[in-house]
PDB file of N, CA and C in Angstrom:
ATOM      1  N   MET A   1     156.080  37.320  87.511  1.00  0.00           N
ATOM      2  CA  MET A   1     155.139  37.284  88.620  1.00  0.00           C
ATOM      3  C   MET A   1     155.579  38.286  89.693  1.00  0.00           C
ATOM      4  N   ALA A   2     154.627  39.057  90.182  1.00  0.00           N
ATOM      5  CA  ALA A   2     154.942  40.071  91.191  1.00  0.00           C
ATOM      6  C   ALA A   2     155.254  39.405  92.528  1.00  0.00           C
ATOM      7  N   HIS A   3     156.232  39.952  93.221  1.00  0.00           N
ATOM      8  CA  HIS A   3     156.549  39.394  94.533  1.00  0.00           C
ATOM      9  C   HIS A   3     155.533  39.909  95.553  1.00  0.00           C
ATOM     10  N   PRO A   4     155.253  39.101  96.569  1.00  0.00           N
ATOM     11  CA  PRO A   4     154.230  39.483  97.543  1.00  0.00           C
ATOM     12  C   PRO A   4     154.642  40.685  98.371  1.00  0.00           C
ATOM     13  N   VAL A   5     153.659  41.463  98.774  1.00  0.00           N
ATOM     14  CA  VAL A   5     153.896  42.615  99.641  1.00  0.00           C
ATOM     15  C   VAL A   5     153.142  42.399 100.952  1.00  0.00           C
ATOM     16  N   PHE A   6     153.570  43.112 101.965  1.00  0.00           N
ATOM     17  CA  PHE A   6     152.888  43.096 103.251  1.00  0.00           C
ATOM     18  C   PHE A   6     151.658  43.987 103.133  1.00  0.00           C
ATOM     19  N   ARG A   7     150.528  43.500 103.596  1.00  0.00           N
ATOM     20  CA  ARG A   7     149.280  44.283 103.551  1.00  0.00           C
ATOM     21  C   ARG A   7     148.647  44.270 104.929  1.00  0.00           C
ATOM     22  N   LEU A   8     148.251  45.441 105.382  1.00  0.00           N
ATOM     23  CA  LEU A   8     147.561  45.569 106.653  1.00  0.00           C
ATOM     24  C   LEU A   8     146.194  46.175 106.391  1.00  0.00           C
ATOM     25  N   GLU A   9     145.161  45.547 106.926  1.00  0.00           N
ATOM     26  CA  GLU A   9     143.806  46.098 106.859  1.00  0.00           C
ATOM     27  C   GLU A   9     143.420  46.514 108.258  1.00  0.00           C
ATOM     28  N   ALA A  10     142.909  47.723 108.388  1.00  0.00           N
ATOM     29  CA  ALA A  10     142.504  48.229 109.702  1.00  0.00           C
ATOM     30  C   ALA A  10     141.085  48.766 109.619  1.00  0.00           C
ATOM     31  N   HIS A  11     140.335  48.534 110.685  1.00  0.00           N
ATOM     32  CA  HIS A  11     139.006  49.125 110.849  1.00  0.00           C
ATOM     33  C   HIS A  11     139.070  50.020 112.082  1.00  0.00           C
ATOM     34  N   PHE A  12     138.713  51.276 111.882  1.00  0.00           N
ATOM     35  CA  PHE A  12     138.708  52.243 112.975  1.00  0.00           C
ATOM     36  C   PHE A  12     137.264  52.535 113.356  1.00  0.00           C
ATOM     37  N   ALA A  13     136.956  52.427 114.649  1.00  0.00           N
ATOM     38  CA  ALA A  13     135.621  52.739 115.151  1.00  0.00           C
ATOM     39  C   ALA A  13     135.727  53.909 116.115  1.00  0.00           C
ATOM     40  N   GLY A  14     134.641  54.617 116.263  1.00  0.00           N
ATOM     41  CA  GLY A  14     134.597  55.790 117.125  1.00  0.00           C
ATOM     42  C   GLY A  14     133.933  56.919 116.347  1.00  0.00           C
ATOM     43  N   ARG A  15     134.376  58.152 116.587  1.00  0.00           N
ATOM     44  CA  ARG A  15     133.851  59.286 115.824  1.00  0.00           C
ATOM     45  C   ARG A  15     134.838  59.542 114.683  1.00  0.00           C
ATOM     46  N   VAL A  16     134.829  58.643 113.708  1.00  0.00           N
ATOM     47  CA  VAL A  16     135.857  58.661 112.669  1.00  0.00           C
ATOM     48  C   VAL A  16     135.335  59.117 111.309  1.00  0.00           C
ATOM     49  N   GLN A  17     134.029  59.361 111.206  1.00  0.00           N
ATOM     50  CA  GLN A  17     133.502  59.901 109.955  1.00  0.00           C
ATOM     51  C   GLN A  17     133.088  61.343 110.178  1.00  0.00           C
ATOM     52  N   GLY A  18     133.312  62.177 109.166  1.00  0.00           N
ATOM     53  CA  GLY A  18     132.953  63.587 109.269  1.00  0.00           C
ATOM     54  C   GLY A  18     133.940  64.423 110.055  1.00  0.00           C
ATOM     55  N   VAL A  19     135.139  63.883 110.304  1.00  0.00           N
ATOM     56  CA  VAL A  19     136.148  64.619 111.074  1.00  0.00           C
ATOM     57  C   VAL A  19     137.451  64.785 110.280  1.00  0.00           C
ATOM     58  N   GLY A  20     137.417  64.500 108.970  1.00  0.00           N
ATOM     59  CA  GLY A  20     138.611  64.627 108.146  1.00  0.00           C
ATOM     60  C   GLY A  20     139.560  63.446 108.259  1.00  0.00           C
ATOM     61  N   PHE A  21     139.055  62.321 108.760  1.00  0.00           N
ATOM     62  CA  PHE A  21     139.903  61.151 108.991  1.00  0.00           C
ATOM     63  C   PHE A  21     140.546  60.663 107.700  1.00  0.00           C
ATOM     64  N   ARG A  22     139.744  60.507 106.644  1.00  0.00           N
ATOM     65  CA  ARG A  22     140.285  59.979 105.385  1.00  0.00           C
ATOM     66  C   ARG A  22     141.309  60.932 104.778  1.00  0.00           C
ATOM     67  N   TYR A  23     141.027  62.223 104.853  1.00  0.00           N
ATOM     68  CA  TYR A  23     141.962  63.201 104.285  1.00  0.00           C
ATOM     69  C   TYR A  23     143.256  63.241 105.082  1.00  0.00           C
ATOM     70  N   SER A  24     143.140  63.117 106.405  1.00  0.00           N
ATOM     71  CA  SER A  24     144.339  63.061 107.240  1.00  0.00           C
ATOM     72  C   SER A  24     145.163  61.822 106.913  1.00  0.00           C
ATOM     73  N   ALA A  25     144.495  60.677 106.744  1.00  0.00           N
ATOM     74  CA  ALA A  25     145.210  59.439 106.416  1.00  0.00           C
ATOM     75  C   ALA A  25     145.949  59.590 105.092  1.00  0.00           C
ATOM     76  N   ARG A  26     145.314  60.231 104.116  1.00  0.00           N
ATOM     77  CA  ARG A  26     145.965  60.422 102.823  1.00  0.00           C
ATOM     78  C   ARG A  26     147.174  61.350 102.967  1.00  0.00           C
ATOM     79  N   GLN A  27     147.032  62.393 103.760  1.00  0.00           N
ATOM     80  CA  GLN A  27     148.162  63.317 103.992  1.00  0.00           C
ATOM     81  C   GLN A  27     149.308  62.592 104.681  1.00  0.00           C
ATOM     82  N   ILE A  28     148.989  61.814 105.714  1.00  0.00           N
ATOM     83  CA  ILE A  28     150.017  61.076 106.450  1.00  0.00           C
ATOM     84  C   ILE A  28     150.725  60.092 105.518  1.00  0.00           C
ATOM     85  N   ALA A  29     149.964  59.462 104.629  1.00  0.00           N
ATOM     86  CA  ALA A  29     150.534  58.466 103.709  1.00  0.00           C
ATOM     87  C   ALA A  29     151.629  59.064 102.833  1.00  0.00           C
ATOM     88  N   GLN A  30     151.543  60.372 102.561  1.00  0.00           N
ATOM     89  CA  GLN A  30     152.546  61.004 101.704  1.00  0.00           C
ATOM     90  C   GLN A  30     153.928  61.001 102.352  1.00  0.00           C
ATOM     91  N   GLY A  31     153.981  60.826 103.669  1.00  0.00           N
ATOM     92  CA  GLY A  31     155.260  60.778 104.362  1.00  0.00           C
ATOM     93  C   GLY A  31     155.833  59.367 104.474  1.00  0.00           C
ATOM     94  N   PHE A  32     155.138  58.390 103.908  1.00  0.00           N
ATOM     95  CA  PHE A  32     155.565  56.999 104.003  1.00  0.00           C
ATOM     96  C   PHE A  32     155.564  56.358 102.615  1.00  0.00           C
ATOM     97  N   THR A  33     156.320  55.290 102.478  1.00  0.00           N
ATOM     98  CA  THR A  33     156.329  54.548 101.221  1.00  0.00           C
ATOM     99  C   THR A  33     155.272  53.447 101.324  1.00  0.00           C
ATOM    100  N   VAL A  34     154.002  53.868 101.192  1.00  0.00           N
ATOM    101  CA  VAL A  34     152.883  52.932 101.267  1.00  0.00           C
ATOM    102  C   VAL A  34     151.902  53.221 100.140  1.00  0.00           C
ATOM    103  N   THR A  35     151.150  52.193  99.776  1.00  0.00           N
ATOM    104  CA  THR A  35     150.037  52.350  98.855  1.00  0.00           C
ATOM    105  C   THR A  35     148.806  51.782  99.548  1.00  0.00           C
ATOM    106  N   GLY A  36     147.626  52.092  99.008  1.00  0.00           N
ATOM    107  CA  GLY A  36     146.406  51.546  99.589  1.00  0.00           C
ATOM    108  C   GLY A  36     145.261  52.513  99.447  1.00  0.00           C
ATOM    109  N   GLN A  37     144.270  52.342 100.320  1.00  0.00           N
ATOM    110  CA  GLN A  37     143.119  53.236 100.294  1.00  0.00           C
ATOM    111  C   GLN A  37     142.475  53.320 101.661  1.00  0.00           C
ATOM    112  N   VAL A  38     141.696  54.379 101.848  1.00  0.00           N
ATOM    113  CA  VAL A  38     140.931  54.580 103.069  1.00  0.00           C
ATOM    114  C   VAL A  38     139.526  54.974 102.640  1.00  0.00           C
ATOM    115  N   ARG A  39     138.516  54.378 103.292  1.00  0.00           N
ATOM    116  CA  ARG A  39     137.141  54.676 102.905  1.00  0.00           C
ATOM    117  C   ARG A  39     136.216  54.547 104.102  1.00  0.00           C
ATOM    118  N   ASN A  40     135.099  55.282 104.035  1.00  0.00           N
ATOM    119  CA  ASN A  40     134.063  55.177 105.053  1.00  0.00           C
ATOM    120  C   ASN A  40     133.237  53.930 104.793  1.00  0.00           C
ATOM    121  N   LEU A  41     132.763  53.310 105.859  1.00  0.00           N
ATOM    122  CA  LEU A  41     131.862  52.167 105.754  1.00  0.00           C
ATOM    123  C   LEU A  41     130.462  52.590 106.197  1.00  0.00           C
ATOM    124  N   PRO A  42     129.438  51.916 105.679  1.00  0.00           N
ATOM    125  CA  PRO A  42     128.055  52.277 106.043  1.00  0.00           C
ATOM    126  C   PRO A  42     127.770  52.175 107.539  1.00  0.00           C
ATOM    127  N   ASP A  43     128.522  51.350 108.267  1.00  0.00           N
ATOM    128  CA  ASP A  43     128.264  51.171 109.700  1.00  0.00           C
ATOM    129  C   ASP A  43     128.946  52.233 110.568  1.00  0.00           C
ATOM    130  N   GLY A  44     129.568  53.237 109.943  1.00  0.00           N
ATOM    131  CA  GLY A  44     130.180  54.327 110.702  1.00  0.00           C
ATOM    132  C   GLY A  44     131.667  54.160 110.952  1.00  0.00           C
ATOM    133  N   ARG A  45     132.234  53.013 110.585  1.00  0.00           N
ATOM    134  CA  ARG A  45     133.669  52.803 110.751  1.00  0.00           C
ATOM    135  C   ARG A  45     134.416  53.310 109.519  1.00  0.00           C
ATOM    136  N   VAL A  46     135.730  53.383 109.647  1.00  0.00           N
ATOM    137  CA  VAL A  46     136.609  53.690 108.526  1.00  0.00           C
ATOM    138  C   VAL A  46     137.464  52.456 108.267  1.00  0.00           C
ATOM    139  N   HIS A  47     137.579  52.084 107.002  1.00  0.00           N
ATOM    140  CA  HIS A  47     138.378  50.924 106.584  1.00  0.00           C
ATOM    141  C   HIS A  47     139.614  51.432 105.869  1.00  0.00           C
ATOM    142  N   LEU A  48     140.780  50.948 106.287  1.00  0.00           N
ATOM    143  CA  LEU A  48     142.040  51.350 105.682  1.00  0.00           C
ATOM    144  C   LEU A  48     142.803  50.103 105.249  1.00  0.00           C
ATOM    145  N   VAL A  49     143.361  50.151 104.054  1.00  0.00           N
ATOM    146  CA  VAL A  49     144.260  49.101 103.572  1.00  0.00           C
ATOM    147  C   VAL A  49     145.566  49.785 103.220  1.00  0.00           C
ATOM    148  N   ALA A  50     146.678  49.261 103.730  1.00  0.00           N
ATOM    149  CA  ALA A  50     147.990  49.816 103.404  1.00  0.00           C
ATOM    150  C   ALA A  50     148.915  48.675 103.012  1.00  0.00           C
ATOM    151  N   GLU A  51     149.702  48.915 101.970  1.00  0.00           N
ATOM    152  CA  GLU A  51     150.647  47.920 101.469  1.00  0.00           C
ATOM    153  C   GLU A  51     152.035  48.528 101.400  1.00  0.00           C
ATOM    154  N   GLY A  52     153.043  47.662 101.545  1.00  0.00           N
ATOM    155  CA  GLY A  52     154.429  48.097 101.441  1.00  0.00           C
ATOM    156  C   GLY A  52     155.307  47.221 102.310  1.00  0.00           C
ATOM    157  N   GLN A  53     156.488  47.745 102.658  1.00  0.00           N
ATOM    158  CA  GLN A  53     157.363  47.043 103.592  1.00  0.00           C
ATOM    159  C   GLN A  53     156.687  47.028 104.962  1.00  0.00           C
ATOM    160  N   GLU A  54     156.784  45.916 105.666  1.00  0.00           N
ATOM    161  CA  GLU A  54     156.056  45.782 106.938  1.00  0.00           C
ATOM    162  C   GLU A  54     156.379  46.904 107.919  1.00  0.00           C
ATOM    163  N   THR A  55     157.653  47.243 108.090  1.00  0.00           N
ATOM    164  CA  THR A  55     158.005  48.286 109.059  1.00  0.00           C
ATOM    165  C   THR A  55     157.389  49.632 108.660  1.00  0.00           C
ATOM    166  N   GLU A  56     157.389  49.933 107.375  1.00  0.00           N
ATOM    167  CA  GLU A  56     156.834  51.200 106.885  1.00  0.00           C
ATOM    168  C   GLU A  56     155.323  51.246 107.110  1.00  0.00           C
ATOM    169  N   VAL A  57     154.643  50.157 106.801  1.00  0.00           N
ATOM    170  CA  VAL A  57     153.183  50.087 106.966  1.00  0.00           C
ATOM    171  C   VAL A  57     152.812  50.228 108.437  1.00  0.00           C
ATOM    172  N   ARG A  58     153.542  49.539 109.304  1.00  0.00           N
ATOM    173  CA  ARG A  58     153.232  49.614 110.739  1.00  0.00           C
ATOM    174  C   ARG A  58     153.499  51.008 111.301  1.00  0.00           C
ATOM    175  N   GLU A  59     154.554  51.684 110.840  1.00  0.00           N
ATOM    176  CA  GLU A  59     154.832  53.069 111.264  1.00  0.00           C
ATOM    177  C   GLU A  59     153.724  54.007 110.778  1.00  0.00           C
ATOM    178  N   PHE A  60     153.268  53.809 109.556  1.00  0.00           N
ATOM    179  CA  PHE A  60     152.176  54.599 108.991  1.00  0.00           C
ATOM    180  C   PHE A  60     150.931  54.458 109.865  1.00  0.00           C
ATOM    181  N   LEU A  61     150.580  53.227 110.228  1.00  0.00           N
ATOM    182  CA  LEU A  61     149.403  52.992 111.072  1.00  0.00           C
ATOM    183  C   LEU A  61     149.581  53.671 112.430  1.00  0.00           C
ATOM    184  N   ARG A  62     150.769  53.561 113.025  1.00  0.00           N
ATOM    185  CA  ARG A  62     151.023  54.201 114.314  1.00  0.00           C
ATOM    186  C   ARG A  62     150.844  55.716 114.223  1.00  0.00           C
ATOM    187  N   GLU A  63     151.286  56.299 113.121  1.00  0.00           N
ATOM    188  CA  GLU A  63     151.166  57.750 112.960  1.00  0.00           C
ATOM    189  C   GLU A  63     149.703  58.172 112.828  1.00  0.00           C
ATOM    190  N   ILE A  64     148.906  57.401 112.098  1.00  0.00           N
ATOM    191  CA  ILE A  64     147.467  57.695 112.003  1.00  0.00           C
ATOM    192  C   ILE A  64     146.845  57.632 113.391  1.00  0.00           C
ATOM    193  N   GLN A  65     147.167  56.577 114.138  1.00  0.00           N
ATOM    194  CA  GLN A  65     146.592  56.426 115.477  1.00  0.00           C
ATOM    195  C   GLN A  65     147.026  57.571 116.391  1.00  0.00           C
ATOM    196  N   ALA A  66     148.253  58.024 116.252  1.00  0.00           N
ATOM    197  CA  ALA A  66     148.744  59.127 117.090  1.00  0.00           C
ATOM    198  C   ALA A  66     148.025  60.429 116.746  1.00  0.00           C
ATOM    199  N   GLN A  67     147.876  60.717 115.455  1.00  0.00           N
ATOM    200  CA  GLN A  67     147.284  61.994 115.044  1.00  0.00           C
ATOM    201  C   GLN A  67     145.763  62.018 115.209  1.00  0.00           C
ATOM    202  N   MET A  68     145.121  60.863 115.119  1.00  0.00           N
ATOM    203  CA  MET A  68     143.658  60.817 115.148  1.00  0.00           C
ATOM    204  C   MET A  68     143.120  60.167 116.425  1.00  0.00           C
ATOM    205  N   GLN A  69     143.963  60.045 117.453  1.00  0.00           N
ATOM    206  CA  GLN A  69     143.583  59.284 118.642  1.00  0.00           C
ATOM    207  C   GLN A  69     142.332  59.806 119.339  1.00  0.00           C
ATOM    208  N   GLN A  70     142.071  61.128 119.244  1.00  0.00           N
ATOM    209  CA  GLN A  70     140.888  61.650 119.946  1.00  0.00           C
ATOM    210  C   GLN A  70     139.591  61.177 119.308  1.00  0.00           C
ATOM    211  N   TYR A  71     139.650  60.661 118.076  1.00  0.00           N
ATOM    212  CA  TYR A  71     138.450  60.199 117.381  1.00  0.00           C
ATOM    213  C   TYR A  71     138.295  58.677 117.399  1.00  0.00           C
ATOM    214  N   ILE A  72     139.392  57.962 117.629  1.00  0.00           N
ATOM    215  CA  ILE A  72     139.375  56.499 117.530  1.00  0.00           C
ATOM    216  C   ILE A  72     139.036  55.885 118.885  1.00  0.00           C
ATOM    217  N   LYS A  73     137.994  55.061 118.901  1.00  0.00           N
ATOM    218  CA  LYS A  73     137.647  54.321 120.115  1.00  0.00           C
ATOM    219  C   LYS A  73     138.243  52.920 120.061  1.00  0.00           C
ATOM    220  N   GLU A  74     138.268  52.331 118.869  1.00  0.00           N
ATOM    221  CA  GLU A  74     138.757  50.965 118.721  1.00  0.00           C
ATOM    222  C   GLU A  74     139.375  50.783 117.340  1.00  0.00           C
ATOM    223  N   THR A  75     140.485  50.043 117.286  1.00  0.00           N
ATOM    224  CA  THR A  75     141.132  49.697 116.027  1.00  0.00           C
ATOM    225  C   THR A  75     141.296  48.189 115.970  1.00  0.00           C
ATOM    226  N   THR A  76     140.850  47.580 114.889  1.00  0.00           N
ATOM    227  CA  THR A  76     141.115  46.158 114.670  1.00  0.00           C
ATOM    228  C   THR A  76     141.949  46.039 113.409  1.00  0.00           C
ATOM    229  N   THR A  77     142.924  45.148 113.426  1.00  0.00           N
ATOM    230  CA  THR A  77     143.794  45.000 112.261  1.00  0.00           C
ATOM    231  C   THR A  77     143.933  43.539 111.882  1.00  0.00           C
ATOM    232  N   GLU A  78     144.215  43.344 110.612  1.00  0.00           N
ATOM    233  CA  GLU A  78     144.506  42.018 110.073  1.00  0.00           C
ATOM    234  C   GLU A  78     145.653  42.194 109.103  1.00  0.00           C
ATOM    235  N   THR A  79     146.611  41.283 109.137  1.00  0.00           N
ATOM    236  CA  THR A  79     147.736  41.383 108.209  1.00  0.00           C
ATOM    237  C   THR A  79     147.677  40.224 107.223  1.00  0.00           C
ATOM    238  N   LEU A  80     148.045  40.527 105.998  1.00  0.00           N
ATOM    239  CA  LEU A  80     148.024  39.569 104.903  1.00  0.00           C
ATOM    240  C   LEU A  80     149.262  39.775 104.057  1.00  0.00           C
ATOM    241  N   THR A  81     149.570  38.815 103.233  1.00  0.00           N
ATOM    242  CA  THR A  81     150.635  38.952 102.249  1.00  0.00           C
ATOM    243  C   THR A  81     150.075  38.509 100.911  1.00  0.00           C
ATOM    244  N   GLY A  82     150.403  39.234  99.873  1.00  0.00           N
ATOM    245  CA  GLY A  82     149.924  38.869  98.546  1.00  0.00           C
ATOM    246  C   GLY A  82     150.430  39.858  97.530  1.00  0.00           C
ATOM    247  N   PRO A  83     149.993  39.712  96.289  1.00  0.00           N
ATOM    248  CA  PRO A  83     150.428  40.661  95.268  1.00  0.00           C
ATOM    249  C   PRO A  83     149.875  42.058  95.552  1.00  0.00           C
ATOM    250  N   ALA A  84     150.637  43.071  95.204  1.00  0.00           N
ATOM    251  CA  ALA A  84     150.203  44.452  95.419  1.00  0.00           C
ATOM    252  C   ALA A  84     148.909  44.715  94.654  1.00  0.00           C
ATOM    253  N   GLN A  85     147.995  45.438  95.289  1.00  0.00           N
ATOM    254  CA  GLN A  85     146.713  45.766  94.665  1.00  0.00           C
ATOM    255  C   GLN A  85     146.578  47.249  94.343  1.00  0.00           C
ATOM    256  N   PHE A  86     147.487  48.067  94.853  1.00  0.00           N
ATOM    257  CA  PHE A  86     147.339  49.531  94.706  1.00  0.00           C
ATOM    258  C   PHE A  86     148.626  50.136  94.135  1.00  0.00           C
ATOM    259  N   ARG A  87     148.470  51.240  93.403  1.00  0.00           N
ATOM    260  CA  ARG A  87     149.624  51.964  92.867  1.00  0.00           C
ATOM    261  C   ARG A  87     149.933  53.214  93.651  1.00  0.00           C
ATOM    262  N   ASP A  88     148.932  53.697  94.400  1.00  0.00           N
ATOM    263  CA  ASP A  88     149.095  54.903  95.194  1.00  0.00           C
ATOM    264  C   ASP A  88     148.229  54.760  96.444  1.00  0.00           C
ATOM    265  N   PHE A  89     148.180  55.812  97.251  1.00  0.00           N
ATOM    266  CA  PHE A  89     147.296  55.792  98.402  1.00  0.00           C
ATOM    267  C   PHE A  89     146.198  56.807  98.131  1.00  0.00           C
ATOM    268  N   HIS A  90     144.953  56.359  98.174  1.00  0.00           N
ATOM    269  CA  HIS A  90     143.845  57.247  97.821  1.00  0.00           C
ATOM    270  C   HIS A  90     142.627  57.029  98.714  1.00  0.00           C
ATOM    271  N   ILE A  91     141.709  57.955  98.606  1.00  0.00           N
ATOM    272  CA  ILE A  91     140.440  57.839  99.309  1.00  0.00           C
ATOM    273  C   ILE A  91     139.483  57.080  98.413  1.00  0.00           C
ATOM    274  N   GLY A  92     138.884  56.028  98.949  1.00  0.00           N
ATOM    275  CA  GLY A  92     137.981  55.172  98.169  1.00  0.00           C
ATOM    276  C   GLY A  92     136.537  55.601  98.288  1.00  0.00           C
TER     277      GLY A  92
END
């Protein structure tokens, strides 16, 4: 049985679609030991799921917020624990 991993789900609102947000998130993810995905939502928000060690996931999220802050108006997050769902970090 797989051991549980820390999972963070974030919704970014603002001018976050059409500005390279998903590609930037994927690039940033390469500097961290995280898996997950980032995708656009029909309502104009971006949804991100990241899994890994809690400190690594939280640093990854902070780096996205730092690099993309001019586009983000609001970020909501939820944290969960469960079996890993992703093998890599990709655009959904």
